[in-house]
C-alpha atoms as a PDB file:
ATOM      1  CA  MET A   1      -2.305  -1.117  -5.417  1.00  0.00           C
ATOM      2  CA  GLY A   2      -3.924  -2.513  -2.274  1.00  0.00           C
ATOM      3  CA  PRO A   3      -2.106  -0.585   0.506  1.00  0.00           C
ATOM      4  CA  HIS A   4      -2.488  -3.402   3.008  1.00  0.00           C
ATOM      5  CA  ALA A   5      -0.806  -5.757   0.528  1.00  0.00           C
ATOM      6  CA  GLY A   6       2.179  -3.485   0.307  1.00  0.00           C
ATOM      7  CA  VAL A   7       2.597  -3.466   4.063  1.00  0.00           C
ATOM      8  CA  ALA A   8       2.191  -7.272   4.200  1.00  0.00           C
ATOM      9  CA  LEU A   9       4.923  -7.693   1.559  1.00  0.00           C
ATOM     10  CA  MET A  10       7.268  -5.360   3.426  1.00  0.00           C
ATOM     11  CA  SER A  11       6.646  -7.355   6.608  1.00  0.00           C
ATOM     12  CA  ALA A  12       7.344 -10.614   4.795  1.00  0.00           C
ATOM     13  CA  VAL A  13      10.632  -9.320   3.474  1.00  0.00           C
ATOM     14  CA  LEU A  14      11.724  -8.324   6.948  1.00  0.00           C
ATOM     15  CA  ARG A  15      10.592 -11.598   8.435  1.00  0.00           C
ATOM     16  CA  HIS A  16      12.410 -13.784   5.863  1.00  0.00           C
ATOM     17  CA  THR A  17      15.630 -11.816   5.691  1.00  0.00           C
ATOM     18  CA  GLY A  18      17.067 -13.618   8.686  1.00  0.00           C
ATOM     19  CA  ALA A  19      18.919 -10.628  10.042  1.00  0.00           C
ATOM     20  CA  CYS A  20      20.411 -10.538  13.525  1.00  0.00           C
ATOM     21  CA  ALA A  21      21.023  -6.789  13.660  1.00  0.00           C
ATOM     22  CA  ASP A  22      19.464  -3.718  12.094  1.00  0.00           C
ATOM     23  CA  GLN A  23      22.460  -3.336   9.768  1.00  0.00           C
ATOM     24  CA  GLN A  24      21.896  -6.768   8.218  1.00  0.00           C
ATOM     25  CA  TYR A  25      18.483  -5.936   6.701  1.00  0.00           C
ATOM     26  CA  LEU A  26      18.123  -5.025   3.104  1.00  0.00           C
ATOM     27  CA  SER A  27      17.518  -1.377   2.284  1.00  0.00           C
ATOM     28  CA  THR A  28      13.886  -1.137   1.209  1.00  0.00           C
ATOM     29  CA  ILE A  29      11.544   1.405  -0.370  1.00  0.00           C
ATOM     30  CA  LEU A  30       7.799   1.037  -0.243  1.00  0.00           C
ATOM     31  CA  MET A  31       5.777   3.390  -2.393  1.00  0.00           C
ATOM     32  CA  SER A  32       2.004   3.243  -2.183  1.00  0.00           C
ATOM     33  CA  PHE A  33      -0.169   5.425  -4.423  1.00  0.00           C
ATOM     34  CA  PRO A  34      -3.503   3.423  -4.346  1.00  0.00           C
ATOM     35  CA  GLY A  35      -5.636   6.396  -5.350  1.00  0.00           C
ATOM     36  CA  GLU A  36      -3.644   6.901  -8.515  1.00  0.00           C
ATOM     37  CA  VAL A  37      -3.800   3.358  -9.890  1.00  0.00           C
ATOM     38  CA  ALA A  38      -7.027   2.201 -11.537  1.00  0.00           C
ATOM     39  CA  ASP A  39      -8.589  -1.081 -10.351  1.00  0.00           C
ATOM     40  CA  ARG A  40      -6.871  -3.888 -12.239  1.00  0.00           C
ATOM     41  CA  THR A  41      -9.863  -6.233 -12.382  1.00  0.00           C
ATOM     42  CA  LEU A  42     -12.228  -3.496 -13.587  1.00  0.00           C
ATOM     43  CA  PHE A  43      -9.756  -2.721 -16.404  1.00  0.00           C
ATOM     44  CA  LEU A  44      -9.553  -6.365 -17.438  1.00  0.00           C
ATOM     45  CA  GLU A  45     -13.334  -6.654 -17.440  1.00  0.00           C
ATOM     46  CA  GLY A  46     -13.661  -3.600 -19.708  1.00  0.00           C
ATOM     47  CA  LYS A  47     -15.215  -1.432 -16.949  1.00  0.00           C
ATOM     48  CA  GLU A  48     -12.218   0.890 -16.606  1.00  0.00           C
ATOM     49  CA  ALA A  49     -10.813   2.605 -19.739  1.00  0.00           C
ATOM     50  CA  VAL A  50      -7.297   3.463 -18.574  1.00  0.00           C
ATOM     51  CA  ASN A  51      -4.724   0.697 -18.368  1.00  0.00           C
ATOM     52  CA  PRO A  52      -3.204   0.848 -14.860  1.00  0.00           C
ATOM     53  CA  ALA A  53       0.079  -0.270 -16.390  1.00  0.00           C
ATOM     54  CA  PHE A  54       0.994   3.323 -17.357  1.00  0.00           C
ATOM     55  CA  ARG A  55       0.743   4.635 -13.796  1.00  0.00           C
ATOM     56  CA  ILE A  56       2.446   1.601 -12.370  1.00  0.00           C
ATOM     57  CA  SER A  57       5.389   2.026 -14.728  1.00  0.00           C
ATOM     58  CA  GLU A  58       5.638   5.677 -13.709  1.00  0.00           C
ATOM     59  CA  ILE A  59       5.783   4.667 -10.034  1.00  0.00           C
ATOM     60  CA  ILE A  60       8.518   2.096 -10.845  1.00  0.00           C
ATOM     61  CA  LYS A  61      10.434   4.879 -12.643  1.00  0.00           C
ATOM     62  CA  LYS A  62      10.096   6.998  -9.488  1.00  0.00           C
ATOM     63  CA  LEU A  63      11.394   4.129  -7.382  1.00  0.00           C
ATOM     64  CA  GLU A  64      14.310   3.620  -9.712  1.00  0.00           C
ATOM     65  CA  SER A  65      15.196   7.310  -9.352  1.00  0.00           C
ATOM     66  CA  THR A  66      15.591   6.764  -5.599  1.00  0.00           C
ATOM     67  CA  GLY A  67      18.011   3.929  -6.181  1.00  0.00           C
ATOM     68  CA  ALA A  68      15.744   0.844  -6.332  1.00  0.00           C
ATOM     69  CA  ALA A  69      17.258  -1.974  -8.328  1.00  0.00           C
ATOM     70  CA  VAL A  70      14.937  -4.912  -7.647  1.00  0.00           C
ATOM     71  CA  VAL A  71      11.185  -4.373  -8.024  1.00  0.00           C
ATOM     72  CA  GLY A  72       8.156  -6.376  -6.957  1.00  0.00           C
ATOM     73  CA  ILE A  73       4.528  -5.481  -7.367  1.00  0.00           C
ATOM     74  CA  ALA A  74       2.260  -6.528  -4.471  1.00  0.00           C
ATOM     75  CA  CYS A  75      -0.707  -7.313  -6.765  1.00  0.00           C
ATOM     76  CA  ASN A  76      -1.310 -10.527  -8.685  1.00  0.00           C
ATOM     77  CA  THR A  77      -3.828  -9.036 -11.089  1.00  0.00           C
ATOM     78  CA  SER A  78      -1.246  -6.493 -12.199  1.00  0.00           C
ATOM     79  CA  HIS A  79       0.668  -9.489 -13.698  1.00  0.00           C
ATOM     80  CA  SER A  80      -2.134 -10.317 -16.107  1.00  0.00           C
ATOM     81  CA  PRO A  81      -0.617 -10.079 -19.613  1.00  0.00           C
ATOM     82  CA  LEU A  82      -2.739  -7.136 -20.714  1.00  0.00           C
ATOM     83  CA  ILE A  83      -1.269  -5.102 -17.850  1.00  0.00           C
ATOM     84  CA  TYR A  84       2.141  -6.576 -17.119  1.00  0.00           C
ATOM     85  CA  GLN A  85       3.310  -6.685 -20.739  1.00  0.00           C
ATOM     86  CA  VAL A  86       2.587  -2.955 -21.069  1.00  0.00           C
ATOM     87  CA  ILE A  87       4.491  -2.291 -17.843  1.00  0.00           C
ATOM     88  CA  LEU A  88       7.543  -4.037 -19.304  1.00  0.00           C
ATOM     89  CA  GLU A  89       7.200  -2.195 -22.623  1.00  0.00           C
ATOM     90  CA  GLU A  90       6.998   1.146 -20.843  1.00  0.00           C
ATOM     91  CA  LEU A  91      10.091   0.300 -18.716  1.00  0.00           C
ATOM     92  CA  ASP A  92      11.983  -0.705 -21.866  1.00  0.00           C
ATOM     93  CA  ARG A  93      10.921   2.502 -23.602  1.00  0.00           C
ATOM     94  CA  ILE A  94      12.440   4.611 -20.869  1.00  0.00           C
ATOM     95  CA  ASN A  95      15.520   2.335 -20.683  1.00  0.00           C
ATOM     96  CA  SER A  96      14.813   1.313 -17.076  1.00  0.00           C
ATOM     97  CA  GLN A  97      17.475  -0.958 -15.545  1.00  0.00           C
ATOM     98  CA  VAL A  98      15.379  -2.406 -12.692  1.00  0.00           C
ATOM     99  CA  ARG A  99      15.048  -6.121 -12.253  1.00  0.00           C
ATOM    100  CA  MET A 100      11.322  -7.014 -12.200  1.00  0.00           C
ATOM    101  CA  VAL A 101      10.394 -10.050 -10.070  1.00  0.00           C
ATOM    102  CA  PRO A 102       7.003 -11.386 -11.221  1.00  0.00           C
ATOM    103  CA  MET A 103       4.780 -12.646  -8.420  1.00  0.00           C
ATOM    104  CA  PRO A 104       2.841 -15.458 -10.176  1.00  0.00           C
ATOM    105  CA  PHE A 105       5.985 -16.969 -11.704  1.00  0.00           C
ATOM    106  CA  GLU A 106       7.798 -16.927  -8.365  1.00  0.00           C
ATOM    107  CA  THR A 107       4.767 -18.434  -6.588  1.00  0.00           C
ATOM    108  CA  CYS A 108       4.684 -21.366  -9.027  1.00  0.00           C
ATOM    109  CA  ARG A 109       8.496 -21.671  -8.850  1.00  0.00           C
ATOM    110  CA  TYR A 110       8.327 -21.863  -5.118  1.00  0.00           C
ATOM    111  CA  ILE A 111       5.926 -24.826  -5.277  1.00  0.00           C
ATOM    112  CA  LYS A 112       8.097 -26.608  -7.847  1.00  0.00           C
ATOM    113  CA  GLU A 113      11.292 -26.126  -5.853  1.00  0.00           C
ATOM    114  CA  ASN A 114       9.914 -26.800  -2.336  1.00  0.00           C
ATOM    115  CA  HIS A 115       6.918 -29.141  -2.633  1.00  0.00           C
ATOM    116  CA  PRO A 116       7.754 -31.916  -5.159  1.00  0.00           C
ATOM    117  CA  ASP A 117       4.827 -34.078  -4.034  1.00  0.00           C
ATOM    118  CA  VAL A 118       2.179 -31.476  -4.964  1.00  0.00           C
ATOM    119  CA  ARG A 119       0.334 -32.315  -8.209  1.00  0.00           C
ATOM    120  CA  ARG A 120      -3.165 -30.846  -7.965  1.00  0.00           C
ATOM    121  CA  ILE A 121      -3.423 -27.115  -7.227  1.00  0.00           C
ATOM    122  CA  GLY A 122      -6.397 -24.849  -6.627  1.00  0.00           C
ATOM    123  CA  LEU A 123      -6.435 -21.095  -7.136  1.00  0.00           C
ATOM    124  CA  MET A 124      -8.155 -18.325  -5.170  1.00  0.00           C
ATOM    125  CA  ALA A 125      -7.893 -15.054  -7.037  1.00  0.00           C
ATOM    126  CA  THR A 126      -9.780 -12.019  -8.303  1.00  0.00           C
ATOM    127  CA  ASN A 127     -11.941 -12.393 -11.403  1.00  0.00           C
ATOM    128  CA  GLY A 128      -9.231 -10.437 -13.293  1.00  0.00           C
ATOM    129  CA  THR A 129      -6.502 -12.959 -12.454  1.00  0.00           C
ATOM    130  CA  TYR A 130      -8.930 -15.871 -12.876  1.00  0.00           C
ATOM    131  CA  GLY A 131      -9.928 -14.672 -16.338  1.00  0.00           C
ATOM    132  CA  SER A 132      -6.407 -13.909 -17.467  1.00  0.00           C
ATOM    133  CA  GLY A 133      -5.329 -17.521 -17.021  1.00  0.00           C
ATOM    134  CA  ILE A 134      -1.835 -16.533 -15.893  1.00  0.00           C
ATOM    135  CA  TYR A 135      -1.622 -19.106 -13.087  1.00  0.00           C
ATOM    136  CA  LYS A 136      -3.372 -21.790 -15.138  1.00  0.00           C
ATOM    137  CA  ASP A 137      -0.950 -21.352 -18.031  1.00  0.00           C
ATOM    138  CA  LEU A 138       2.114 -21.454 -15.824  1.00  0.00           C
ATOM    139  CA  LEU A 139       1.071 -24.428 -13.763  1.00  0.00           C
ATOM    140  CA  GLU A 140      -0.143 -26.552 -16.696  1.00  0.00           C
ATOM    141  CA  GLU A 141       3.083 -25.746 -18.588  1.00  0.00           C
ATOM    142  CA  TRP A 142       4.944 -27.186 -15.608  1.00  0.00           C
ATOM    143  CA  GLY A 143       2.825 -30.341 -15.532  1.00  0.00           C
ATOM    144  CA  TYR A 144       0.437 -29.585 -12.655  1.00  0.00           C
ATOM    145  CA  ASP A 145      -3.293 -30.401 -12.553  1.00  0.00           C
ATOM    146  CA  MET A 146      -5.078 -27.050 -12.143  1.00  0.00           C
ATOM    147  CA  ILE A 147      -8.333 -26.940 -10.178  1.00  0.00           C
ATOM    148  CA  LEU A 148     -10.385 -23.898 -11.085  1.00  0.00           C
ATOM    149  CA  PRO A 149     -13.912 -23.221  -9.775  1.00  0.00           C
ATOM    150  CA  ASP A 150     -16.750 -22.673 -12.220  1.00  0.00           C
ATOM    151  CA  VAL A 151     -17.541 -19.067 -13.095  1.00  0.00           C
ATOM    152  CA  LEU A 152     -20.537 -18.872 -10.730  1.00  0.00           C
ATOM    153  CA  PHE A 153     -18.561 -20.137  -7.694  1.00  0.00           C
ATOM    154  CA  GLN A 154     -15.640 -17.930  -8.614  1.00  0.00           C
ATOM    155  CA  ASN A 155     -17.801 -14.798  -8.741  1.00  0.00           C
ATOM    156  CA  ASP A 156     -20.161 -15.477  -5.855  1.00  0.00           C
ATOM    157  CA  ILE A 157     -17.737 -16.978  -3.384  1.00  0.00           C
ATOM    158  CA  ILE A 158     -14.066 -16.244  -4.131  1.00  0.00           C
ATOM    159  CA  HIS A 159     -14.185 -12.876  -5.840  1.00  0.00           C
ATOM    160  CA  ARG A 160     -16.915 -11.719  -3.479  1.00  0.00           C
ATOM    161  CA  MET A 161     -14.603 -12.119  -0.470  1.00  0.00           C
ATOM    162  CA  ILE A 162     -12.414  -9.393  -1.885  1.00  0.00           C
ATOM    163  CA  TYR A 163     -14.853  -7.049  -3.570  1.00  0.00           C
ATOM    164  CA  ASP A 164     -18.232  -7.297  -1.801  1.00  0.00           C
ATOM    165  CA  PRO A 165     -19.147  -3.615  -1.158  1.00  0.00           C
ATOM    166  CA  VAL A 166     -20.446  -4.340   2.355  1.00  0.00           C
ATOM    167  CA  PHE A 167     -18.177  -7.009   3.894  1.00  0.00           C
ATOM    168  CA  GLY A 168     -15.369  -7.644   1.365  1.00  0.00           C
ATOM    169  CA  ILE A 169     -11.799  -7.340   2.442  1.00  0.00           C
ATOM    170  CA  LYS A 170     -11.199  -4.190   0.301  1.00  0.00           C
ATOM    171  CA  SER A 171     -14.315  -2.469   1.681  1.00  0.00           C
ATOM    172  CA  SER A 172     -13.500  -3.380   5.295  1.00  0.00           C
ATOM    173  CA  ALA A 173     -10.122  -1.575   5.564  1.00  0.00           C
ATOM    174  CA  GLY A 174      -8.298  -4.946   5.364  1.00  0.00           C
ATOM    175  CA  ASN A 175     -10.244  -6.403   8.274  1.00  0.00           C
ATOM    176  CA  ILE A 176     -11.592  -9.952   7.906  1.00  0.00           C
ATOM    177  CA  THR A 177     -15.324  -9.945   8.563  1.00  0.00           C
ATOM    178  CA  PRO A 178     -17.332 -12.969   9.740  1.00  0.00           C
ATOM    179  CA  GLN A 179     -18.973 -13.149   6.266  1.00  0.00           C
ATOM    180  CA  VAL A 180     -15.545 -13.424   4.631  1.00  0.00           C
ATOM    181  CA  ARG A 181     -14.578 -16.235   7.017  1.00  0.00           C
ATOM    182  CA  VAL A 182     -17.745 -18.172   6.065  1.00  0.00           C
ATOM    183  CA  LEU A 183     -16.977 -17.772   2.341  1.00  0.00           C
ATOM    184  CA  LEU A 184     -13.331 -18.640   2.894  1.00  0.00           C
ATOM    185  CA  ASP A 185     -14.331 -21.972   4.536  1.00  0.00           C
ATOM    186  CA  LYS A 186     -16.610 -22.725   1.559  1.00  0.00           C
ATOM    187  CA  ALA A 187     -13.792 -21.994  -0.855  1.00  0.00           C
ATOM    188  CA  LEU A 188     -11.251 -24.146   0.951  1.00  0.00           C
ATOM    189  CA  THR A 189     -13.797 -26.962   1.285  1.00  0.00           C
ATOM    190  CA  TYR A 190     -14.471 -26.740  -2.462  1.00  0.00           C
ATOM    191  CA  PHE A 191     -10.804 -27.439  -3.252  1.00  0.00           C
ATOM    192  CA  LYS A 192     -10.477 -30.106  -0.557  1.00  0.00           C
ATOM    193  CA  ASN A 193     -13.418 -31.970  -2.007  1.00  0.00           C
ATOM    194  CA  ARG A 194     -11.646 -31.934  -5.383  1.00  0.00           C
ATOM    195  CA  ARG A 195      -8.489 -33.450  -3.961  1.00  0.00           C
ATOM    196  CA  ALA A 196      -6.278 -30.419  -4.145  1.00  0.00           C
ATOM    197  CA  ASP A 197      -2.781 -30.895  -2.686  1.00  0.00           C
ATOM    198  CA  ALA A 198      -2.353 -27.173  -2.381  1.00  0.00           C
ATOM    199  CA  VAL A 199      -4.213 -23.885  -2.813  1.00  0.00           C
ATOM    200  CA  ILE A 200      -2.544 -20.734  -4.061  1.00  0.00           C
ATOM    201  CA  LEU A 201      -3.609 -17.467  -2.482  1.00  0.00           C
ATOM    202  CA  GLY A 202      -3.510 -15.672  -5.817  1.00  0.00           C
ATOM    203  CA  CYS A 203      -4.778 -12.349  -4.462  1.00  0.00           C
ATOM    204  CA  THR A 204      -2.829 -10.388  -1.901  1.00  0.00           C
ATOM    205  CA  GLU A 205      -6.033  -9.706   0.053  1.00  0.00           C
ATOM    206  CA  PHE A 206      -6.304 -13.376   0.854  1.00  0.00           C
ATOM    207  CA  SER A 207      -2.951 -13.175   2.592  1.00  0.00           C
ATOM    208  CA  LEU A 208      -4.725 -11.102   5.223  1.00  0.00           C
ATOM    209  CA  ALA A 209      -7.449 -13.680   5.705  1.00  0.00           C
ATOM    210  CA  THR A 210      -5.473 -16.857   6.339  1.00  0.00           C
ATOM    211  CA  THR A 211      -1.971 -17.389   7.646  1.00  0.00           C
ATOM    212  CA  GLY A 212      -1.978 -21.169   8.032  1.00  0.00           C
ATOM    213  CA  LYS A 213       0.592 -23.138   6.069  1.00  0.00           C
ATOM    214  CA  ARG A 214      -1.827 -26.107   5.898  1.00  0.00           C
ATOM    215  CA  VAL A 215      -5.627 -25.878   6.024  1.00  0.00           C
ATOM    216  CA  LYS A 216      -8.019 -28.834   5.701  1.00  0.00           C
ATOM    217  CA  GLY A 217      -4.977 -31.036   4.925  1.00  0.00           C
ATOM    218  CA  MET A 218      -3.956 -28.847   1.961  1.00  0.00           C
ATOM    219  CA  LEU A 219      -0.872 -26.632   1.631  1.00  0.00           C
ATOM    220  CA  VAL A 220      -1.647 -22.967   1.500  1.00  0.00           C
ATOM    221  CA  ILE A 221       0.771 -21.156  -0.833  1.00  0.00           C
ATOM    222  CA  ASP A 222       0.826 -17.451  -0.110  1.00  0.00           C
ATOM    223  CA  SER A 223       1.898 -15.389  -3.141  1.00  0.00           C
ATOM    224  CA  ILE A 224       3.121 -12.553  -0.912  1.00  0.00           C
ATOM    225  CA  GLU A 225       5.464 -14.895   0.919  1.00  0.00           C
ATOM    226  CA  SER A 226       6.756 -16.303  -2.361  1.00  0.00           C
ATOM    227  CA  LEU A 227       7.370 -12.848  -3.759  1.00  0.00           C
ATOM    228  CA  ALA A 228       9.117 -11.722  -0.583  1.00  0.00           C
ATOM    229  CA  LYS A 229      11.569 -14.625  -0.672  1.00  0.00           C
ATOM    230  CA  ALA A 230      12.215 -14.069  -4.367  1.00  0.00           C
ATOM    231  CA  LEU A 231      12.956 -10.381  -3.801  1.00  0.00           C
ATOM    232  CA  ILE A 232      15.463 -11.254  -1.086  1.00  0.00           C
ATOM    233  CA  ARG A 233      17.077 -13.851  -3.345  1.00  0.00           C
ATOM    234  CA  GLU A 234      17.400 -11.485  -6.317  1.00  0.00           C
ATOM    235  CA  ALA A 235      18.800  -8.646  -4.213  1.00  0.00           C
ATOM    236  CA  THR A 236      21.309 -10.745  -2.252  1.00  0.00           C
ATOM    237  CA  CYS A 237      22.454 -12.905  -5.208  1.00  0.00           C
ATOM    238  CA  ALA A 238      23.225  -9.739  -7.202  1.00  0.00           C
ATOM    239  CA  GLY A 239      25.141  -8.303  -4.293  1.00  0.00           C
ATOM    240  CA  MET A 240      22.675  -5.435  -4.018  1.00  0.00           C
ATOM    241  CA  ARG A 241      21.663  -3.888  -0.722  1.00  0.00           C
ATOM    242  CA  ARG A 242      18.844  -1.676  -1.944  1.00  0.00           C
ATOM    243  CA  LEU A 243      15.476  -3.321  -2.451  1.00  0.00           C
ATOM    244  CA  GLN A 244      12.196  -1.842  -3.623  1.00  0.00           C
ATOM    245  CA  LEU A 245       8.733  -3.122  -2.852  1.00  0.00           C
END
């Protein structure tokens, strides 16, 4: 998926492992085939015919063949049901034994376990993730008040930060342009004005744009950080020393 997101996830795993020597780090495998995986949002919007789930599951199989036992996908939109369910079906079909660690679930779980005072949560995500309702369904099931922007704000401000062909994060080699910073401030102000206690960075590109744990008085919950911690937990709790990203 987004190659910069994969690097960010790998970095987060190293940062949170808490090792004091090289030998204490988890064994990790990062595979990145961005040119081979169709855009997830375009597929969900009906603008891409091939479900990226099939190529993603093939990559997971390749990872498993190298010894990977715990698997995380550094892309929130890939967890939309129309994609993620097919990934799981394909892995089941080939009798894969890997342990999948779903990013949106772990992000919501992180909030529940670490921030009990949070009640109102905003979401910044691609149009694909926004439209799939995956975060909305999880958070409302767990009793949170979900703050979602209207469709116009979502498309013109939040999604545009990622996909604008001139200054968006994807078109700028992962660099954060001044235009993106202006839109990011508008987005965070939007959620602040609606009394959000926290904002989820529900697209891995946003993890490149802001690193603050609290912005405008709101907690910033980074889905990459949540996934990294969950991968470490699953690997170490199972007594495994080989971890795939």
